[in-house]
């Protein structure tokens, strides 16, 4: 029977197919598989590097946020110190200005007291002259007795 020859022919065809596949198709498949494996491995490695980079970036971001918070706290403290200093300067300036105004007011009061005393002396002298004039029943000449009136004013 031709069964043996058919079996032999089929074996030859299978061997030819295996040789053809191994010689022409298999290297391309292995190259494609190796390239794909390399691409997958590179992708996984890049993913791991990305995770590590993300962890490092989060750590650096947390450090930067902490540094920014510390710096902002420092700036706020400096601003509060400066505000307190400005308030103290303003209080000092207000006290100096108040003292100056008080001194000016005291000087003005002193001048007013002096003017009032002088006016009072003048009025008392005029009253004394008027009284003396009535007592003597004659008028005293203010021009002739200016020295006497000046002395009387100073005594009062």
C-alpha atoms as a PDB file:
ATOM      1  CA  UNK A   1       0.000   0.000   0.000  1.00  0.00           C
ATOM      2  CA  UNK A   2       0.896   3.403  -0.553  1.00  0.00           C
ATOM      3  CA  UNK A   3       0.317   4.232   3.006  1.00  0.00           C
ATOM      4  CA  UNK A   4       3.971   4.047   3.780  1.00  0.00           C
ATOM      5  CA  UNK A   5       4.888   6.268   0.935  1.00  0.00           C
ATOM      6  CA  UNK A   6       2.202   8.743   1.947  1.00  0.00           C
ATOM      7  CA  UNK A   7       3.408   8.636   5.486  1.00  0.00           C
ATOM      8  CA  UNK A   8       6.966   9.148   4.295  1.00  0.00           C
ATOM      9  CA  UNK A   9       5.895  12.032   2.017  1.00  0.00           C
ATOM     10  CA  UNK A  10       3.947  13.650   4.846  1.00  0.00           C
ATOM     11  CA  UNK A  11       6.974  13.296   7.113  1.00  0.00           C
ATOM     12  CA  UNK A  12       9.130  14.947   4.463  1.00  0.00           C
ATOM     13  CA  UNK A  13       6.641  17.783   4.057  1.00  0.00           C
ATOM     14  CA  UNK A  14       6.504  18.282   7.819  1.00  0.00           C
ATOM     15  CA  UNK A  15      10.308  18.233   7.996  1.00  0.00           C
ATOM     16  CA  UNK A  16      10.487  20.725   5.134  1.00  0.00           C
ATOM     17  CA  UNK A  17       7.912  22.881   6.892  1.00  0.00           C
ATOM     18  CA  UNK A  18       9.869  22.675  10.166  1.00  0.00           C
ATOM     19  CA  UNK A  19      13.139  23.522   8.372  1.00  0.00           C
ATOM     20  CA  UNK A  20      11.478  26.382   6.462  1.00  0.00           C
ATOM     21  CA  UNK A  21       9.906  27.715   9.671  1.00  0.00           C
ATOM     22  CA  UNK A  22      13.172  27.326  11.606  1.00  0.00           C
ATOM     23  CA  UNK A  23      15.270  28.885   8.882  1.00  0.00           C
ATOM     24  CA  UNK A  24      13.087  31.762   7.725  1.00  0.00           C
ATOM     25  CA  UNK A  25      10.252  32.448  10.134  1.00  0.00           C
ATOM     26  CA  UNK A  26      11.671  31.456  13.519  1.00  0.00           C
ATOM     27  CA  UNK A  27      14.507  34.084  13.603  1.00  0.00           C
ATOM     28  CA  UNK A  28      12.040  36.855  12.806  1.00  0.00           C
ATOM     29  CA  UNK A  29       9.660  35.588  15.487  1.00  0.00           C
ATOM     30  CA  UNK A  30      12.470  35.343  18.056  1.00  0.00           C
ATOM     31  CA  UNK A  31      13.693  38.829  17.143  1.00  0.00           C
ATOM     32  CA  UNK A  32      10.161  40.201  17.490  1.00  0.00           C
ATOM     33  CA  UNK A  33       9.688  38.350  20.800  1.00  0.00           C
ATOM     34  CA  UNK A  34      13.077  39.541  22.105  1.00  0.00           C
ATOM     35  CA  UNK A  35      12.281  43.107  21.022  1.00  0.00           C
ATOM     36  CA  UNK A  36       8.883  42.878  22.677  1.00  0.00           C
ATOM     37  CA  UNK A  37      10.422  41.449  25.865  1.00  0.00           C
ATOM     38  CA  UNK A  38      13.024  44.205  25.870  1.00  0.00           C
ATOM     39  CA  UNK A  39      10.326  46.832  25.330  1.00  0.00           C
ATOM     40  CA  UNK A  40       8.229  45.370  28.138  1.00  0.00           C
ATOM     41  CA  UNK A  41      11.248  45.156  30.448  1.00  0.00           C
ATOM     42  CA  UNK A  42      12.214  48.748  29.583  1.00  0.00           C
ATOM     43  CA  UNK A  43       8.627  49.856  30.223  1.00  0.00           C
ATOM     44  CA  UNK A  44       8.556  48.100  33.583  1.00  0.00           C
ATOM     45  CA  UNK A  45      11.930  49.589  34.503  1.00  0.00           C
ATOM     46  CA  UNK A  46      10.735  53.021  33.408  1.00  0.00           C
ATOM     47  CA  UNK A  47       7.602  52.533  35.506  1.00  0.00           C
ATOM     48  CA  UNK A  48       9.728  51.647  38.529  1.00  0.00           C
ATOM     49  CA  UNK A  49      11.985  54.644  37.862  1.00  0.00           C
ATOM     50  CA  UNK A  50       8.867  56.769  37.508  1.00  0.00           C
ATOM     51  CA  UNK A  51       7.565  55.517  40.848  1.00  0.00           C
ATOM     52  CA  UNK A  52      10.935  56.225  42.454  1.00  0.00           C
ATOM     53  CA  UNK A  53      11.087  59.655  40.819  1.00  0.00           C
ATOM     54  CA  UNK A  54       7.533  60.359  41.981  1.00  0.00           C
ATOM     55  CA  UNK A  55       8.428  59.339  45.529  1.00  0.00           C
ATOM     56  CA  UNK A  56      11.519  61.569  45.389  1.00  0.00           C
ATOM     57  CA  UNK A  57       9.512  64.430  43.927  1.00  0.00           C
ATOM     58  CA  UNK A  58       6.863  64.071  46.632  1.00  0.00           C
ATOM     59  CA  UNK A  59       9.595  64.034  49.258  1.00  0.00           C
ATOM     60  CA  UNK A  60      11.237  67.157  47.775  1.00  0.00           C
ATOM     61  CA  UNK A  61       7.833  68.837  47.479  1.00  0.00           C
ATOM     62  CA  UNK A  62       7.106  68.084  51.134  1.00  0.00           C
ATOM     63  CA  UNK A  63      10.516  69.491  52.084  1.00  0.00           C
ATOM     64  CA  UNK A  64       9.898  72.605  49.983  1.00  0.00           C
ATOM     65  CA  UNK A  65       6.459  73.072  51.540  1.00  0.00           C
ATOM     66  CA  UNK A  66       7.989  72.681  55.002  1.00  0.00           C
ATOM     67  CA  UNK A  67      10.738  75.174  54.126  1.00  0.00           C
ATOM     68  CA  UNK A  68       8.155  77.594  52.715  1.00  0.00           C
ATOM     69  CA  UNK A  69       6.065  77.276  55.880  1.00  0.00           C
ATOM     70  CA  UNK A  70       9.115  77.910  58.039  1.00  0.00           C
ATOM     71  CA  UNK A  71      10.070  80.904  55.910  1.00  0.00           C
ATOM     72  CA  UNK A  72       6.524  82.277  56.013  1.00  0.00           C
ATOM     73  CA  UNK A  73       6.471  81.863  59.810  1.00  0.00           C
ATOM     74  CA  UNK A  74       9.792  83.715  59.964  1.00  0.00           C
ATOM     75  CA  UNK A  75       8.459  86.503  57.734  1.00  0.00           C
ATOM     76  CA  UNK A  76       5.307  86.769  59.845  1.00  0.00           C
ATOM     77  CA  UNK A  77       7.401  86.965  63.019  1.00  0.00           C
ATOM     78  CA  UNK A  78       9.564  89.675  61.456  1.00  0.00           C
ATOM     79  CA  UNK A  79       6.457  91.568  60.349  1.00  0.00           C
ATOM     80  CA  UNK A  80       5.005  91.346  63.854  1.00  0.00           C
ATOM     81  CA  UNK A  81       8.288  92.584  65.323  1.00  0.00           C
ATOM     82  CA  UNK A  82       8.367  95.441  62.842  1.00  0.00           C
ATOM     83  CA  UNK A  83       4.731  96.292  63.615  1.00  0.00           C
ATOM     84  CA  UNK A  84       5.514  96.350  67.340  1.00  0.00           C
ATOM     85  CA  UNK A  85       8.566  98.501  66.629  1.00  0.00           C
ATOM     86  CA  UNK A  86       6.477 100.912  64.534  1.00  0.00           C
ATOM     87  CA  UNK A  87       3.880 101.098  67.298  1.00  0.00           C
ATOM     88  CA  UNK A  88       6.596 101.823  69.872  1.00  0.00           C
ATOM     89  CA  UNK A  89       8.118 104.466  67.592  1.00  0.00           C
ATOM     90  CA  UNK A  90       4.690 106.022  67.114  1.00  0.00           C
ATOM     91  CA  UNK A  91       4.129 106.002  70.893  1.00  0.00           C
ATOM     92  CA  UNK A  92       7.532 107.622  71.406  1.00  0.00           C
ATOM     93  CA  UNK A  93       6.840 110.227  68.740  1.00  0.00           C
ATOM     94  CA  UNK A  94       3.389 110.877  70.198  1.00  0.00           C
ATOM     95  CA  UNK A  95       4.885 111.286  73.670  1.00  0.00           C
ATOM     96  CA  UNK A  96       7.521 113.679  72.341  1.00  0.00           C
ATOM     97  CA  UNK A  97       4.863 115.619  70.447  1.00  0.00           C
ATOM     98  CA  UNK A  98       2.614 115.617  73.516  1.00  0.00           C
ATOM     99  CA  UNK A  99       5.464 116.851  75.699  1.00  0.00           C
ATOM    100  CA  UNK A 100       6.214 119.550  73.149  1.00  0.00           C
ATOM    101  CA  UNK A 101       2.555 120.600  73.051  1.00  0.00           C
ATOM    102  CA  UNK A 102       2.385 120.587  76.864  1.00  0.00           C
ATOM    103  CA  UNK A 103       5.550 122.686  77.066  1.00  0.00           C
ATOM    104  CA  UNK A 104       4.142 125.088  74.467  1.00  0.00           C
ATOM    105  CA  UNK A 105       0.851 125.258  76.346  1.00  0.00           C
ATOM    106  CA  UNK A 106       2.675 125.880  79.630  1.00  0.00           C
ATOM    107  CA  UNK A 107       4.726 128.630  77.999  1.00  0.00           C
ATOM    108  CA  UNK A 108       1.569 130.159  76.551  1.00  0.00           C
ATOM    109  CA  UNK A 109      -0.165 129.881  79.931  1.00  0.00           C
ATOM    110  CA  UNK A 110       2.860 131.539  81.539  1.00  0.00           C
ATOM    111  CA  UNK A 111       2.653 134.376  79.027  1.00  0.00           C
ATOM    112  CA  UNK A 112      -1.083 134.710  79.610  1.00  0.00           C
ATOM    113  CA  UNK A 113      -0.519 134.780  83.391  1.00  0.00           C
ATOM    114  CA  UNK A 114       2.171 137.410  82.914  1.00  0.00           C
ATOM    115  CA  UNK A 115      -0.142 139.491  80.698  1.00  0.00           C
ATOM    116  CA  UNK A 116      -2.981 139.066  83.188  1.00  0.00           C
ATOM    117  CA  UNK A 117      -0.720 140.171  86.037  1.00  0.00           C
ATOM    118  CA  UNK A 118       0.438 143.160  84.031  1.00  0.00           C
ATOM    119  CA  UNK A 119      -3.151 144.042  83.177  1.00  0.00           C
ATOM    120  CA  UNK A 120      -4.129 143.598  86.794  1.00  0.00           C
ATOM    121  CA  UNK A 121      -1.210 145.767  87.926  1.00  0.00           C
ATOM    122  CA  UNK A 122      -2.257 148.430  85.453  1.00  0.00           C
ATOM    123  CA  UNK A 123      -5.850 148.285  86.674  1.00  0.00           C
ATOM    124  CA  UNK A 124      -4.752 148.372  90.328  1.00  0.00           C
ATOM    125  CA  UNK A 125      -2.472 151.329  89.598  1.00  0.00           C
ATOM    126  CA  UNK A 126      -5.308 153.080  87.785  1.00  0.00           C
ATOM    127  CA  UNK A 127      -7.608 152.334  90.704  1.00  0.00           C
ATOM    128  CA  UNK A 128      -4.995 153.592  93.169  1.00  0.00           C
ATOM    129  CA  UNK A 129      -4.568 156.789  91.186  1.00  0.00           C
ATOM    130  CA  UNK A 130      -8.331 157.197  91.004  1.00  0.00           C
ATOM    131  CA  UNK A 131      -8.634 156.491  94.710  1.00  0.00           C
ATOM    132  CA  UNK A 132      -5.811 158.854  95.582  1.00  0.00           C
ATOM    133  CA  UNK A 133      -7.350 161.402  93.279  1.00  0.00           C
ATOM    134  CA  UNK A 134     -10.642 161.189  95.097  1.00  0.00           C
ATOM    135  CA  UNK A 135      -8.900 161.320  98.436  1.00  0.00           C
ATOM    136  CA  UNK A 136      -6.904 164.363  97.553  1.00  0.00           C
ATOM    137  CA  UNK A 137      -9.812 165.829  95.671  1.00  0.00           C
ATOM    138  CA  UNK A 138      -7.674 166.739  92.895  1.00  0.00           C
ATOM    139  CA  UNK A 139      -6.395 164.858  89.937  1.00  0.00           C
ATOM    140  CA  UNK A 140      -2.898 163.500  89.867  1.00  0.00           C
ATOM    141  CA  UNK A 141      -1.120 164.100  86.598  1.00  0.00           C
ATOM    142  CA  UNK A 142      -0.071 160.692  85.232  1.00  0.00           C
ATOM    143  CA  UNK A 143       2.645 162.275  83.076  1.00  0.00           C
ATOM    144  CA  UNK A 144       4.295 164.075  85.977  1.00  0.00           C
ATOM    145  CA  UNK A 145       4.165 161.116  88.289  1.00  0.00           C
ATOM    146  CA  UNK A 146       5.076 158.331  85.782  1.00  0.00           C
ATOM    147  CA  UNK A 147       8.092 157.229  87.849  1.00  0.00           C
ATOM    148  CA  UNK A 148       5.970 156.969  90.959  1.00  0.00           C
ATOM    149  CA  UNK A 149       3.301 154.965  89.077  1.00  0.00           C
ATOM    150  CA  UNK A 150       5.903 152.628  87.559  1.00  0.00           C
ATOM    151  CA  UNK A 151       7.364 151.993  91.013  1.00  0.00           C
ATOM    152  CA  UNK A 152       3.855 151.372  92.360  1.00  0.00           C
ATOM    153  CA  UNK A 153       3.168 148.870  89.549  1.00  0.00           C
ATOM    154  CA  UNK A 154       6.342 146.939  90.295  1.00  0.00           C
ATOM    155  CA  UNK A 155       5.524 146.750  93.963  1.00  0.00           C
ATOM    156  CA  UNK A 156       2.115 145.323  93.221  1.00  0.00           C
END
